[in-house]
Amino acid sequence: MNAIEMLEQQHRQVEQLFSQIEKESAEQAKRRLFLEIADALAIHAAIEERHFYPAVKARRTEEILLESLEEHLSIKPRWPTCCARRSPTRPSTRSSSG
């Protein structure tokens, strides 16, 4: 599996998690799914920001970049639905100095 295939697979996994959280009725299960989504998106975004976007920019592959942006924009409409259900708060992992 190459890096692009891995990122696409991660997109599908997050979409599945969103579908599960929308169907779930138990609050504890929703919280677990919400945390899975948050963790998966944080990892995914870090990989894209550190590796994918610089490589795309360097190669001037605008088509791939636009396709990636479209993927991200397609998930945005679902995010408020999940957040509106009083997502659990998590302690910050950032240090107070940065």
C-alpha atoms as a PDB file:
ATOM      1  CA  MET A   1       0.000   0.000   0.000  1.00  0.00           C
ATOM      2  CA  ASN A   2       1.405   3.393  -0.924  1.00  0.00           C
ATOM      3  CA  ALA A   3       0.945   6.598   1.076  1.00  0.00           C
ATOM      4  CA  ILE A   4      -1.977   7.817  -1.038  1.00  0.00           C
ATOM      5  CA  GLU A   5      -3.814   4.518  -0.618  1.00  0.00           C
ATOM      6  CA  MET A   6      -3.200   4.662   3.139  1.00  0.00           C
ATOM      7  CA  LEU A   7      -4.632   8.186   3.379  1.00  0.00           C
ATOM      8  CA  GLU A   8      -7.648   7.188   1.299  1.00  0.00           C
ATOM      9  CA  GLN A   9      -8.189   4.155   3.524  1.00  0.00           C
ATOM     10  CA  GLN A  10      -8.099   6.422   6.567  1.00  0.00           C
ATOM     11  CA  HIS A  11     -10.719   8.652   4.938  1.00  0.00           C
ATOM     12  CA  ARG A  12     -13.011   5.636   4.496  1.00  0.00           C
ATOM     13  CA  GLN A  13     -12.447   4.529   8.110  1.00  0.00           C
ATOM     14  CA  VAL A  14     -13.408   7.976   9.431  1.00  0.00           C
ATOM     15  CA  GLU A  15     -16.495   8.026   7.208  1.00  0.00           C
ATOM     16  CA  GLN A  16     -17.510   4.661   8.679  1.00  0.00           C
ATOM     17  CA  LEU A  17     -17.018   5.975  12.211  1.00  0.00           C
ATOM     18  CA  PHE A  18     -19.244   8.986  11.412  1.00  0.00           C
ATOM     19  CA  SER A  19     -21.925   6.634  10.082  1.00  0.00           C
ATOM     20  CA  GLN A  20     -21.710   4.537  13.246  1.00  0.00           C
ATOM     21  CA  ILE A  21     -21.992   7.542  15.557  1.00  0.00           C
ATOM     22  CA  GLU A  22     -25.029   8.843  13.645  1.00  0.00           C
ATOM     23  CA  LYS A  23     -26.797   5.480  14.090  1.00  0.00           C
ATOM     24  CA  GLU A  24     -25.769   4.868  17.700  1.00  0.00           C
ATOM     25  CA  SER A  25     -28.260   5.573  20.474  1.00  0.00           C
ATOM     26  CA  ALA A  26     -26.198   4.697  23.572  1.00  0.00           C
ATOM     27  CA  GLU A  27     -24.352   7.742  24.913  1.00  0.00           C
ATOM     28  CA  GLN A  28     -21.327   5.770  26.091  1.00  0.00           C
ATOM     29  CA  ALA A  29     -20.903   4.178  22.665  1.00  0.00           C
ATOM     30  CA  LYS A  30     -21.238   7.617  21.032  1.00  0.00           C
ATOM     31  CA  ARG A  31     -18.510   8.970  23.307  1.00  0.00           C
ATOM     32  CA  ARG A  32     -16.203   6.079  22.434  1.00  0.00           C
ATOM     33  CA  LEU A  33     -16.831   6.583  18.715  1.00  0.00           C
ATOM     34  CA  PHE A  34     -16.369  10.336  19.036  1.00  0.00           C
ATOM     35  CA  LEU A  35     -12.975   9.816  20.690  1.00  0.00           C
ATOM     36  CA  GLU A  36     -11.995   7.357  17.955  1.00  0.00           C
ATOM     37  CA  ILE A  37     -12.924   9.948  15.323  1.00  0.00           C
ATOM     38  CA  ALA A  38     -10.994  12.694  17.087  1.00  0.00           C
ATOM     39  CA  ASP A  39      -7.892  10.531  17.426  1.00  0.00           C
ATOM     40  CA  ALA A  40      -8.083   9.257  13.849  1.00  0.00           C
ATOM     41  CA  LEU A  41      -8.502  12.770  12.449  1.00  0.00           C
ATOM     42  CA  ALA A  42      -5.624  14.149  14.512  1.00  0.00           C
ATOM     43  CA  ILE A  43      -3.262  11.419  13.306  1.00  0.00           C
ATOM     44  CA  HIS A  44      -4.494  11.679   9.734  1.00  0.00           C
ATOM     45  CA  ALA A  45      -4.168  15.461   9.601  1.00  0.00           C
ATOM     46  CA  ALA A  46      -0.646  15.312  11.030  1.00  0.00           C
ATOM     47  CA  ILE A  47       0.418  12.803   8.364  1.00  0.00           C
ATOM     48  CA  GLU A  48      -1.080  14.911   5.597  1.00  0.00           C
ATOM     49  CA  GLU A  49       0.419  18.163   6.867  1.00  0.00           C
ATOM     50  CA  ARG A  50       3.889  16.735   7.340  1.00  0.00           C
ATOM     51  CA  HIS A  51       4.149  14.506   4.290  1.00  0.00           C
ATOM     52  CA  PHE A  52       1.332  14.699   1.764  1.00  0.00           C
ATOM     53  CA  TYR A  53       0.797  18.441   1.298  1.00  0.00           C
ATOM     54  CA  PRO A  54       4.516  19.319   1.027  1.00  0.00           C
ATOM     55  CA  ALA A  55       5.011  16.541  -1.554  1.00  0.00           C
ATOM     56  CA  VAL A  56       2.000  17.685  -3.549  1.00  0.00           C
ATOM     57  CA  LYS A  57       3.149  21.283  -3.453  1.00  0.00           C
ATOM     58  CA  ALA A  58       6.674  20.318  -4.476  1.00  0.00           C
ATOM     59  CA  ARG A  59       5.424  18.375  -7.486  1.00  0.00           C
ATOM     60  CA  ARG A  60       2.795  20.956  -8.372  1.00  0.00           C
ATOM     61  CA  THR A  61       0.142  18.293  -8.581  1.00  0.00           C
ATOM     62  CA  GLU A  62      -2.797  20.606  -8.192  1.00  0.00           C
ATOM     63  CA  GLU A  63      -5.311  17.957  -9.244  1.00  0.00           C
ATOM     64  CA  ILE A  64      -4.358  15.679  -6.331  1.00  0.00           C
ATOM     65  CA  LEU A  65      -4.445  18.585  -3.923  1.00  0.00           C
ATOM     66  CA  LEU A  66      -7.910  19.614  -5.092  1.00  0.00           C
ATOM     67  CA  GLU A  67      -9.143  16.026  -4.780  1.00  0.00           C
ATOM     68  CA  SER A  68      -7.821  15.891  -1.221  1.00  0.00           C
ATOM     69  CA  LEU A  69      -9.507  19.172  -0.377  1.00  0.00           C
ATOM     70  CA  GLU A  70     -12.775  17.837  -1.777  1.00  0.00           C
ATOM     71  CA  GLU A  71     -12.460  14.780   0.489  1.00  0.00           C
ATOM     72  CA  HIS A  72     -12.030  16.991   3.537  1.00  0.00           C
ATOM     73  CA  LEU A  73     -14.866  19.292   2.594  1.00  0.00           C
ATOM     74  CA  SER A  74     -17.186  16.309   2.159  1.00  0.00           C
ATOM     75  CA  ILE A  75     -16.748  15.373   5.818  1.00  0.00           C
ATOM     76  CA  LYS A  76     -17.350  18.889   7.188  1.00  0.00           C
ATOM     77  CA  PRO A  77     -21.164  18.799   6.941  1.00  0.00           C
ATOM     78  CA  ARG A  78     -21.210  15.737   9.225  1.00  0.00           C
ATOM     79  CA  TRP A  79     -18.992  17.229  11.920  1.00  0.00           C
ATOM     80  CA  PRO A  80     -21.590  19.610  13.467  1.00  0.00           C
ATOM     81  CA  THR A  81     -24.046  16.715  13.796  1.00  0.00           C
ATOM     82  CA  CYS A  82     -21.609  14.825  15.965  1.00  0.00           C
ATOM     83  CA  CYS A  83     -20.449  17.859  17.927  1.00  0.00           C
ATOM     84  CA  ALA A  84     -24.000  19.011  18.625  1.00  0.00           C
ATOM     85  CA  ARG A  85     -24.563  15.867  20.668  1.00  0.00           C
ATOM     86  CA  ARG A  86     -22.482  17.205  23.554  1.00  0.00           C
ATOM     87  CA  SER A  87     -19.220  15.567  22.800  1.00  0.00           C
ATOM     88  CA  PRO A  88     -17.176  14.665  25.858  1.00  0.00           C
ATOM     89  CA  THR A  89     -14.360  16.961  26.790  1.00  0.00           C
ATOM     90  CA  ARG A  90     -10.844  15.626  26.910  1.00  0.00           C
ATOM     91  CA  PRO A  91      -7.968  17.051  28.879  1.00  0.00           C
ATOM     92  CA  SER A  92      -5.608  19.065  26.722  1.00  0.00           C
ATOM     93  CA  THR A  93      -2.391  17.370  25.718  1.00  0.00           C
ATOM     94  CA  ARG A  94      -0.692  20.668  24.918  1.00  0.00           C
ATOM     95  CA  SER A  95       1.801  22.099  27.326  1.00  0.00           C
ATOM     96  CA  SER A  96       1.107  25.479  28.792  1.00  0.00           C
ATOM     97  CA  SER A  97       4.241  26.854  27.167  1.00  0.00           C
ATOM     98  CA  GLY A  98       3.277  26.157  23.588  1.00  0.00           C
END
